[in-house]
Amino acid sequence: MMRRLGLLALLAIAALGAGAGWLESQLSRPYRGHRPEKIFVDIPHGTSRWGIAGILRKNDVIRNRVAFALFSDWHFRRQLQAGEYEVDHPMNSREVFWKIARGQIFVHVVTVPEGWTMYDIAAEVDRQGICPREEFLAAAHDTSLISDLSPHAMSLEGFLFPSTYEFTRHTTCEQMVKRMVQNFRAVWEALSEPAQTTYPGGLTFAQVVTLASLVERETPNPEERPLVAGVFYNRLDRGYPLQCDPTVQYALKMEGRTVRDVRPEDLRVDSPYNTYRHRGLPPGPIANPGEASLRAALAPTQTDYLYFVANDQGGHFFARTLAEHDRNVQRLRHLLSTDTPTPDPVSRKENH
């Protein structure tokens, strides 16, 4: 009897050893079952551990459903996170488990720099394959998201706040746009007074955002933006045309033409956004301003400057009179002529 019990014990130990060896082999070896090698696996909310194991095996991500489920049950304290996961190379079952336990879901990272237009954003999300360009632009024309703030807005241009966003493959164009507008609202709420209805220069909310977009596109220097805003307010107060080159660039972009440098012939474009031909602010924002530009539009520098022209250091020369401005333009041309040949800049804001 004792010999029989001993034999059974040995067989049990051998079976356990064999089972452990089998389990280790199933868990440790990378699996190359999936075709193509880059796949996406969606794990719905509420799926059990054995259900997750079944989904992974069905998609050829793991070698054995039972082995994965047993390993998962052994680590019962670790929750498996729902979401979509990218598998772009063969992984063993342990690696797959920890990827899901850590919630390393697949996301597209979309960075929207300050000063990008809705057309720029549409091109980027289209390039990443998460939203077709035309569908994004259609969503960006749904002004219901800001109708309480800007009831006459023609699009969401100006309200798609610059930031870095993470979107899944299932994020819709409408959801992307909504997230950006929500960010704008949060920043605006922090910058402005509650229930504020009057702004510098007697501008409306929509006009302040429009002016901020001009400031954003005029200078990359955050410290200079309040001064640029002050110049714009001064010109508006005196009825001078703003003569802002980026408004011309935007007018051309709306026609499907992208220009880096504005040429004299571009100034003739027939558009209400062309501030060389039309006095006052354009009918809406020409880009999506960041926090620094919004702050500058809300709190411009009090100055008597009326003109500015780009310098060769990423900033501007400012002037109080047209004669002083003309000297700054000649100064810039001289600086450019000593460097690599560059097309003559448009002499900005020269006329009343």
Protein backbone atom coordinates (compact mmCIF):
# COMPACT_ATOMS: atom_id res chain seq x y z
CA MET A 1 0.00 0.00 0.00
CA MET A 2 2.80 2.36 0.95
CA ARG A 3 4.59 1.55 -2.28
CA ARG A 4 1.43 2.35 -4.24
CA LEU A 5 1.01 5.67 -2.43
CA GLY A 6 4.62 6.51 -3.08
CA LEU A 7 4.21 5.70 -6.74
CA LEU A 8 1.11 7.87 -6.95
CA ALA A 9 2.99 10.70 -5.26
CA LEU A 10 5.82 10.38 -7.74
CA LEU A 11 3.34 10.38 -10.62
CA ALA A 12 1.61 13.45 -9.18
CA ILE A 13 4.93 15.27 -8.84
CA ALA A 14 5.87 14.28 -12.35
CA ALA A 15 2.50 15.50 -13.64
CA LEU A 16 2.88 18.79 -11.81
CA GLY A 17 6.36 19.18 -13.18
CA ALA A 18 5.17 18.42 -16.66
CA GLY A 19 2.27 20.84 -16.26
CA ALA A 20 4.56 23.54 -14.97
CA GLY A 21 6.95 22.94 -17.85
CA TRP A 22 4.11 23.09 -20.33
CA LEU A 23 2.74 26.26 -18.75
CA GLU A 24 6.17 27.88 -18.81
CA SER A 25 6.65 26.99 -22.47
CA GLN A 26 3.27 28.47 -23.36
CA LEU A 27 3.93 31.66 -21.42
CA SER A 28 7.58 32.33 -22.26
CA ARG A 29 7.92 31.80 -25.98
CA PRO A 30 7.01 34.75 -28.25
CA TYR A 31 4.16 33.87 -30.55
CA ARG A 32 4.17 34.62 -34.26
CA GLY A 33 0.69 33.46 -35.02
CA HIS A 34 -0.83 36.78 -36.04
CA ARG A 35 -0.96 37.91 -39.66
CA PRO A 36 -0.20 40.61 -40.50
CA GLU A 37 2.32 41.24 -37.76
CA LYS A 38 0.76 44.58 -36.80
CA ILE A 39 -2.77 44.11 -35.50
CA PHE A 40 -5.19 45.86 -33.15
CA VAL A 41 -7.13 44.02 -30.47
CA ASP A 42 -10.15 45.62 -28.83
CA ILE A 43 -11.02 44.53 -25.28
CA PRO A 44 -14.53 45.71 -24.32
CA HIS A 45 -15.37 46.94 -20.84
CA GLY A 46 -16.60 44.19 -18.52
CA THR A 47 -14.83 41.32 -20.30
CA SER A 48 -13.74 38.55 -17.92
CA ARG A 49 -10.16 37.30 -17.73
CA TRP A 50 -11.07 34.11 -19.59
CA GLY A 51 -12.98 36.19 -22.10
CA ILE A 52 -9.90 38.34 -22.68
CA ALA A 53 -7.82 35.20 -23.12
CA GLY A 54 -10.29 34.03 -25.76
CA ILE A 55 -10.13 37.34 -27.64
CA LEU A 56 -6.32 37.26 -27.64
CA ARG A 57 -6.20 33.67 -28.87
CA LYS A 58 -8.81 34.36 -31.56
CA ASN A 59 -6.60 37.19 -32.84
CA ASP A 60 -3.49 34.98 -32.75
CA VAL A 61 -1.77 37.19 -30.17
CA ILE A 62 -1.12 34.41 -27.60
CA ARG A 63 -0.16 30.77 -28.01
CA ASN A 64 -2.66 29.22 -25.59
CA ARG A 65 -5.89 30.53 -24.06
CA VAL A 66 -5.77 28.33 -20.95
CA ALA A 67 -2.16 29.20 -20.14
CA PHE A 68 -2.87 32.93 -20.38
CA ALA A 69 -6.03 32.63 -18.28
CA LEU A 70 -4.23 30.64 -15.58
CA PHE A 71 -1.42 33.21 -15.46
CA SER A 72 -4.00 35.98 -15.30
CA ASP A 73 -5.87 34.28 -12.45
CA TRP A 74 -2.58 33.86 -10.57
CA HIS A 75 -2.20 37.68 -10.73
CA PHE A 76 -5.80 38.31 -9.73
CA ARG A 77 -4.86 41.50 -7.88
CA ARG A 78 -3.97 43.18 -11.19
CA GLN A 79 -6.95 44.46 -13.16
CA LEU A 80 -6.91 44.04 -16.92
CA GLN A 81 -7.78 47.33 -18.63
CA ALA A 82 -10.33 47.64 -21.40
CA GLY A 83 -9.32 49.41 -24.60
CA GLU A 84 -7.62 48.92 -27.93
CA TYR A 85 -4.12 47.47 -27.98
CA GLU A 86 -1.58 47.45 -30.78
CA VAL A 87 0.57 44.36 -31.24
CA ASP A 88 3.33 45.17 -33.71
CA HIS A 89 5.79 42.36 -32.94
CA PRO A 90 5.68 38.81 -31.54
CA MET A 91 5.23 38.86 -27.76
CA ASN A 92 5.07 36.15 -25.15
CA SER A 93 1.97 35.78 -22.98
CA ARG A 94 3.57 37.42 -19.97
CA GLU A 95 4.37 40.53 -22.01
CA VAL A 96 0.84 40.62 -23.37
CA PHE A 97 -0.60 40.29 -19.87
CA TRP A 98 1.45 43.15 -18.44
CA LYS A 99 0.73 45.37 -21.44
CA ILE A 100 -2.99 45.01 -20.75
CA ALA A 101 -2.60 45.18 -16.96
CA ARG A 102 -0.75 48.51 -17.32
CA GLY A 103 -3.40 49.83 -19.67
CA GLN A 104 -0.96 50.57 -22.49
CA ILE A 105 -3.74 51.18 -24.97
CA PHE A 106 -2.97 52.38 -28.46
CA VAL A 107 -3.29 56.12 -29.02
CA HIS A 108 -2.51 58.55 -31.79
CA VAL A 109 -0.58 61.53 -30.42
CA VAL A 110 -1.64 64.70 -32.22
CA THR A 111 0.30 67.86 -31.43
CA VAL A 112 -1.44 71.09 -32.43
CA PRO A 113 1.10 73.95 -32.29
CA GLU A 114 0.03 77.48 -31.48
CA GLY A 115 -1.01 79.30 -34.63
CA TRP A 116 -2.14 76.29 -36.61
CA THR A 117 -5.33 76.72 -38.59
CA MET A 118 -8.15 74.21 -38.76
CA TYR A 119 -6.81 73.33 -42.22
CA ASP A 120 -3.42 72.45 -40.71
CA ILE A 121 -5.05 70.28 -38.04
CA ALA A 122 -7.23 68.57 -40.64
CA ALA A 123 -4.15 67.73 -42.70
CA GLU A 124 -2.38 66.26 -39.66
CA VAL A 125 -5.20 64.01 -38.47
CA ASP A 126 -5.68 62.88 -42.07
CA ARG A 127 -1.95 62.10 -42.34
CA GLN A 128 -2.16 59.98 -39.20
CA GLY A 129 -5.14 58.13 -40.61
CA ILE A 130 -7.53 58.89 -37.75
CA CYS A 131 -9.87 61.35 -39.44
CA PRO A 132 -10.25 62.25 -43.14
CA ARG A 133 -9.46 65.88 -43.86
CA GLU A 134 -12.88 66.80 -45.20
CA GLU A 135 -14.67 65.11 -42.30
CA PHE A 136 -12.58 67.05 -39.79
CA LEU A 137 -13.31 70.32 -41.56
CA ALA A 138 -17.01 69.47 -41.59
CA ALA A 139 -16.87 68.90 -37.82
CA ALA A 140 -14.94 72.16 -37.42
CA HIS A 141 -17.84 74.01 -39.04
CA ASP A 142 -20.31 72.83 -36.39
CA THR A 143 -20.46 76.06 -34.41
CA SER A 144 -23.02 74.75 -31.92
CA LEU A 145 -20.08 74.00 -29.61
CA ILE A 146 -19.46 77.74 -29.12
CA SER A 147 -22.84 79.23 -30.01
CA ASP A 148 -23.26 80.54 -26.48
CA LEU A 149 -19.97 82.44 -26.68
CA SER A 150 -19.89 83.40 -30.34
CA PRO A 151 -23.37 83.07 -31.89
CA HIS A 152 -22.24 84.44 -35.26
CA ALA A 153 -19.11 82.31 -35.68
CA MET A 154 -18.73 80.78 -39.12
CA SER A 155 -16.49 77.94 -37.94
CA LEU A 156 -14.54 76.77 -34.90
CA GLU A 157 -11.39 78.45 -36.18
CA GLY A 158 -9.79 80.13 -33.17
CA PHE A 159 -11.41 77.76 -30.67
CA LEU A 160 -9.46 74.54 -31.42
CA PHE A 161 -7.01 75.02 -28.62
CA PRO A 162 -3.34 74.22 -29.32
CA SER A 163 -2.11 71.33 -27.21
CA THR A 164 -0.98 67.70 -27.44
CA TYR A 165 -3.88 65.29 -27.68
CA GLU A 166 -4.17 61.52 -27.47
CA PHE A 167 -6.86 59.93 -29.62
CA THR A 168 -7.69 56.28 -30.13
CA ARG A 169 -8.54 54.81 -33.52
CA HIS A 170 -12.20 54.95 -32.52
CA THR A 171 -12.22 58.67 -31.66
CA THR A 172 -14.53 60.41 -34.11
CA CYS A 173 -13.77 63.70 -35.83
CA GLU A 174 -16.56 65.29 -33.81
CA GLN A 175 -15.05 64.05 -30.56
CA MET A 176 -11.63 65.44 -31.51
CA VAL A 177 -13.09 68.86 -32.22
CA LYS A 178 -15.12 68.80 -29.02
CA ARG A 179 -12.02 68.00 -26.95
CA MET A 180 -10.15 70.95 -28.45
CA VAL A 181 -13.03 73.33 -27.84
CA GLN A 182 -13.33 72.11 -24.24
CA ASN A 183 -9.65 72.95 -23.73
CA PHE A 184 -10.23 76.42 -25.17
CA ARG A 185 -13.14 76.99 -22.80
CA ALA A 186 -11.06 75.92 -19.79
CA VAL A 187 -8.21 78.29 -20.68
CA TRP A 188 -10.56 81.17 -21.48
CA GLU A 189 -12.40 80.72 -18.19
CA ALA A 190 -9.09 80.95 -16.33
CA LEU A 191 -8.05 84.11 -18.19
CA SER A 192 -11.24 86.15 -18.22
CA GLU A 193 -13.50 87.44 -15.47
CA PRO A 194 -16.72 85.50 -14.79
CA ALA A 195 -19.62 86.79 -16.89
CA GLN A 196 -17.31 89.33 -18.55
CA THR A 197 -18.98 91.01 -21.54
CA THR A 198 -16.77 94.04 -22.19
CA TYR A 199 -13.19 93.81 -23.41
CA PRO A 200 -10.35 96.19 -24.32
CA GLY A 201 -11.14 98.61 -27.14
CA GLY A 202 -14.83 97.83 -26.85
CA LEU A 203 -14.33 94.56 -28.67
CA THR A 204 -16.65 91.59 -28.40
CA PHE A 205 -15.56 88.15 -27.23
CA ALA A 206 -15.28 86.92 -30.83
CA GLN A 207 -13.23 89.97 -31.83
CA VAL A 208 -10.81 89.46 -28.94
CA VAL A 209 -10.19 85.88 -30.07
CA THR A 210 -9.77 87.12 -33.64
CA LEU A 211 -7.24 89.72 -32.54
CA ALA A 212 -5.43 87.07 -30.49
CA SER A 213 -5.14 84.93 -33.63
CA LEU A 214 -3.50 87.83 -35.48
CA VAL A 215 -1.05 88.31 -32.62
CA GLU A 216 -0.30 84.57 -32.63
CA ARG A 217 0.53 84.57 -36.31
CA GLU A 218 2.54 87.80 -36.21
CA THR A 219 5.15 86.90 -33.61
CA PRO A 220 6.60 83.69 -32.17
CA ASN A 221 7.90 85.64 -29.17
CA PRO A 222 5.50 85.35 -26.18
CA GLU A 223 7.05 88.37 -24.46
CA GLU A 224 6.40 90.54 -27.51
CA ARG A 225 2.75 89.60 -27.98
CA PRO A 226 1.20 92.16 -25.59
CA LEU A 227 3.08 94.91 -27.46
CA VAL A 228 1.92 93.63 -30.85
CA ALA A 229 -1.62 93.51 -29.46
CA GLY A 230 -1.19 97.11 -28.27
CA VAL A 231 -0.25 98.21 -31.79
CA PHE A 232 -3.32 96.51 -33.25
CA TYR A 233 -5.59 98.18 -30.70
CA ASN A 234 -4.04 101.57 -31.50
CA ARG A 235 -4.59 101.11 -35.23
CA LEU A 236 -8.17 99.99 -34.68
CA ASP A 237 -8.79 103.00 -32.47
CA ARG A 238 -7.50 105.36 -35.16
CA GLY A 239 -9.26 103.62 -38.00
CA TYR A 240 -6.03 102.56 -39.71
CA PRO A 241 -6.05 99.31 -41.70
CA LEU A 242 -4.25 96.58 -39.78
CA GLN A 243 -2.25 95.49 -42.85
CA CYS A 244 -1.47 92.13 -41.27
CA ASP A 245 0.26 89.73 -43.65
CA PRO A 246 -1.07 86.55 -41.97
CA THR A 247 -4.63 87.62 -42.80
CA VAL A 248 -3.64 87.59 -46.47
CA GLN A 249 -2.08 84.16 -46.05
CA TYR A 250 -5.30 82.93 -44.48
CA ALA A 251 -7.41 84.39 -47.27
CA LEU A 252 -5.25 82.53 -49.78
CA LYS A 253 -5.40 79.32 -47.73
CA MET A 254 -9.19 79.47 -47.85
CA GLU A 255 -8.80 79.39 -51.63
CA GLY A 256 -6.50 76.38 -51.40
CA ARG A 257 -3.28 78.33 -51.86
CA THR A 258 -0.51 78.20 -49.28
CA VAL A 259 2.16 80.91 -49.37
CA ARG A 260 5.08 81.29 -47.00
CA ASP A 261 5.97 84.86 -47.94
CA VAL A 262 3.35 87.40 -48.93
CA ARG A 263 4.16 89.10 -52.25
CA PRO A 264 2.81 92.48 -53.37
CA GLU A 265 0.45 90.81 -55.84
CA ASP A 266 -1.01 88.69 -53.02
CA LEU A 267 -2.25 91.84 -51.30
CA ARG A 268 -4.89 92.22 -54.00
CA VAL A 269 -6.74 89.04 -53.02
CA ASP A 270 -10.44 89.84 -52.79
CA SER A 271 -11.40 88.55 -49.36
CA PRO A 272 -12.92 90.08 -46.23
CA TYR A 273 -9.94 88.54 -44.42
CA ASN A 274 -7.50 90.75 -46.34
CA THR A 275 -6.73 93.54 -43.87
CA TYR A 276 -4.87 95.48 -46.54
CA ARG A 277 -8.10 95.98 -48.46
CA HIS A 278 -10.53 96.08 -45.53
CA ARG A 279 -10.26 98.15 -42.38
CA GLY A 280 -10.90 96.66 -38.98
CA LEU A 281 -10.59 93.06 -37.89
CA PRO A 282 -11.27 90.18 -40.26
CA PRO A 283 -14.67 88.46 -39.87
CA GLY A 284 -13.21 85.70 -37.72
CA PRO A 285 -9.98 84.20 -36.35
CA ILE A 286 -7.25 83.28 -38.82
CA ALA A 287 -5.64 80.63 -36.59
CA ASN A 288 -5.93 78.99 -33.21
CA PRO A 289 -4.18 81.14 -30.60
CA GLY A 290 -2.49 79.79 -27.51
CA GLU A 291 -2.77 81.07 -23.97
CA ALA A 292 -0.06 83.75 -24.33
CA SER A 293 -1.78 85.36 -27.31
CA LEU A 294 -5.21 85.22 -25.68
CA ARG A 295 -3.72 86.84 -22.60
CA ALA A 296 -2.09 89.53 -24.76
CA ALA A 297 -5.39 90.33 -26.47
CA LEU A 298 -7.07 90.65 -23.09
CA ALA A 299 -4.27 92.74 -21.56
CA PRO A 300 -2.41 94.61 -24.34
CA THR A 301 0.56 96.82 -23.57
CA GLN A 302 -0.34 100.49 -23.35
CA THR A 303 1.87 102.03 -26.01
CA ASP A 304 1.94 104.78 -28.61
CA TYR A 305 3.46 102.52 -31.26
CA LEU A 306 1.47 102.34 -34.50
CA TYR A 307 3.76 100.30 -36.73
CA PHE A 308 5.98 97.28 -36.65
CA VAL A 309 8.04 95.28 -39.10
CA ALA A 310 9.90 92.01 -38.62
CA ASN A 311 13.55 92.12 -37.66
CA ASP A 312 16.09 89.38 -38.34
CA GLN A 313 16.02 88.03 -34.77
CA GLY A 314 12.52 86.55 -34.69
CA GLY A 315 10.99 89.74 -33.32
CA HIS A 316 9.98 93.18 -34.63
CA PHE A 317 11.08 96.78 -34.91
CA PHE A 318 8.39 99.09 -33.56
CA ALA A 319 7.71 102.68 -34.57
CA ARG A 320 5.50 105.60 -33.55
CA THR A 321 5.51 107.44 -36.88
CA LEU A 322 5.41 106.45 -40.51
CA ALA A 323 8.82 108.03 -41.09
CA GLU A 324 10.33 105.98 -38.27
CA HIS A 325 8.63 102.87 -39.64
CA ASP A 326 10.06 103.51 -43.11
CA ARG A 327 13.53 103.70 -41.59
CA ASN A 328 12.93 100.36 -39.86
CA VAL A 329 11.87 98.81 -43.16
CA GLN A 330 15.07 100.03 -44.81
CA ARG A 331 17.02 98.78 -41.82
CA LEU A 332 15.51 95.32 -42.23
CA ARG A 333 16.24 95.26 -45.95
CA HIS A 334 19.83 96.19 -45.23
CA LEU A 335 20.12 93.38 -42.68
CA LEU A 336 18.66 90.89 -45.13
CA SER A 337 20.95 92.03 -47.93
CA THR A 338 24.00 91.16 -45.82
CA ASP A 339 22.76 87.58 -45.37
CA THR A 340 21.63 84.92 -47.81
CA PRO A 341 19.60 86.58 -50.58
CA THR A 342 15.96 86.71 -49.50
CA PRO A 343 12.91 88.17 -51.29
CA ASP A 344 12.15 91.70 -50.12
CA PRO A 345 9.64 91.66 -47.25
CA VAL A 346 6.32 93.32 -47.67
CA SER A 347 6.55 96.69 -45.95
CA ARG A 348 3.80 96.24 -43.39
CA LYS A 349 1.42 98.82 -42.03
CA GLU A 350 2.85 101.67 -44.08
CA ASN A 351 -0.39 103.40 -44.98
CA HIS A 352 -3.12 105.00 -42.98
